[in-house]
Amino acid sequence: MRRHRPSRSWATPSLVALGFAGLLSALSLVTWRQSRAFEALAELDRVERRLSLAESEQAELRRRIQSLDSRTRISSLAQEQLGMHRPNASEMRWLSGGGR
């Protein structure tokens, strides 16, 4: 005698639908993770550009400070604005002091 297997007409489409839903979920997760990674890379790029600009601005400010702090500039400003000049030998006075 041959046994008759019960019909499972609902099992195959359910498994296919479940597998398809799992595949779509996995693909959605991968897409979400990649979009987050691209956002993070874009933010990193923005931060690196701002850092580069800040470093170049800092270097420019250092150059400007050096030029403003130069002895020739200070001497010329002292002469022009304050009427100062470098003393001649006859204008110098040596002070005796107790500085040891």
Protein backbone atom coordinates (compact mmCIF):
# COMPACT_ATOMS: atom_id res chain seq x y z
CA MET A 1 0.00 0.00 0.00
CA ARG A 2 1.11 3.37 -0.86
CA ARG A 3 0.80 6.18 1.65
CA HIS A 4 -0.67 9.35 0.51
CA ARG A 5 1.25 12.47 1.61
CA PRO A 6 -0.83 15.35 2.83
CA SER A 7 -0.86 18.34 0.55
CA ARG A 8 1.27 21.27 1.66
CA SER A 9 0.22 23.80 -0.84
CA TRP A 10 0.70 26.71 1.58
CA ALA A 11 4.24 25.78 2.72
CA THR A 12 6.16 26.47 -0.48
CA PRO A 13 4.75 29.94 -1.22
CA SER A 14 5.14 30.90 2.44
CA LEU A 15 8.80 29.88 2.44
CA VAL A 16 9.40 31.74 -0.80
CA ALA A 17 7.71 34.84 0.58
CA LEU A 18 9.67 34.57 3.83
CA GLY A 19 12.93 34.15 1.93
CA PHE A 20 12.11 37.10 -0.31
CA ALA A 21 11.28 39.26 2.74
CA GLY A 22 14.57 38.23 4.37
CA LEU A 23 16.48 39.10 1.19
CA LEU A 24 14.80 42.52 0.97
CA SER A 25 15.55 43.16 4.64
CA ALA A 26 19.21 42.26 4.17
CA LEU A 27 19.50 44.47 1.09
CA SER A 28 17.81 47.34 2.91
CA LEU A 29 20.24 46.97 5.81
CA VAL A 30 23.24 47.01 3.46
CA THR A 31 21.89 50.08 1.68
CA TRP A 32 21.30 51.88 4.98
CA ARG A 33 24.80 51.04 6.23
CA GLN A 34 26.38 52.26 3.01
CA SER A 35 24.44 55.50 3.10
CA ARG A 36 25.55 56.06 6.70
CA ALA A 37 29.15 55.35 5.68
CA PHE A 38 28.90 57.85 2.80
CA GLU A 39 27.48 60.46 5.18
CA ALA A 40 30.33 59.84 7.63
CA LEU A 41 32.90 60.13 4.82
CA ALA A 42 31.32 63.37 3.63
CA GLU A 43 31.46 64.78 7.16
CA LEU A 44 35.08 63.67 7.50
CA ASP A 45 35.88 65.43 4.23
CA ARG A 46 34.21 68.63 5.47
CA VAL A 47 36.15 68.49 8.74
CA GLU A 48 39.43 67.87 6.92
CA ARG A 49 38.79 70.85 4.62
CA ARG A 50 38.00 73.09 7.61
CA LEU A 51 41.14 71.87 9.36
CA SER A 52 43.23 72.57 6.27
CA LEU A 53 41.79 76.09 6.02
CA ALA A 54 42.43 76.71 9.71
CA GLU A 55 46.03 75.50 9.39
CA SER A 56 46.68 77.74 6.38
CA GLU A 57 45.10 80.67 8.22
CA GLN A 58 47.29 79.94 11.23
CA ALA A 59 50.41 79.86 9.04
CA GLU A 60 49.38 83.18 7.44
CA LEU A 61 48.81 84.74 10.87
CA ARG A 62 52.25 83.54 12.02
CA ARG A 63 53.85 85.14 8.95
CA ARG A 64 51.96 88.35 9.61
CA ILE A 65 53.03 88.39 13.27
CA GLN A 66 56.65 87.87 12.21
CA SER A 67 56.46 90.73 9.73
CA LEU A 68 54.76 93.04 12.25
CA ASP A 69 57.28 92.08 14.92
CA SER A 70 60.35 92.72 12.77
CA ARG A 71 62.92 95.17 14.03
CA THR A 72 63.02 97.15 10.77
CA ARG A 73 59.26 97.71 10.82
CA ILE A 74 59.27 98.76 14.48
CA SER A 75 62.21 101.12 13.87
CA SER A 76 60.54 102.74 10.87
CA LEU A 77 57.25 103.18 12.78
CA ALA A 78 59.13 104.67 15.74
CA GLN A 79 60.82 107.15 13.42
CA GLU A 80 57.68 108.06 11.47
CA GLN A 81 55.06 108.18 14.18
CA LEU A 82 57.05 109.03 17.30
CA GLY A 83 59.92 111.03 15.85
CA MET A 84 62.46 108.67 17.39
CA HIS A 85 65.89 107.95 15.93
CA ARG A 86 68.89 105.79 16.62
CA PRO A 87 71.22 107.56 19.00
CA ASN A 88 74.62 108.83 17.89
CA ALA A 89 77.67 108.11 19.99
CA SER A 90 77.47 111.64 21.44
CA GLU A 91 73.88 111.01 22.60
CA MET A 92 74.70 107.85 24.53
CA ARG A 93 75.28 107.97 28.26
CA TRP A 94 76.67 105.09 30.22
CA LEU A 95 75.04 104.63 33.56
CA SER A 96 76.90 103.15 36.44
CA GLY A 97 74.71 100.59 38.03
CA GLY A 98 74.75 97.98 40.65
CA GLY A 99 73.41 95.32 38.33
CA ARG A 100 75.62 92.30 38.64
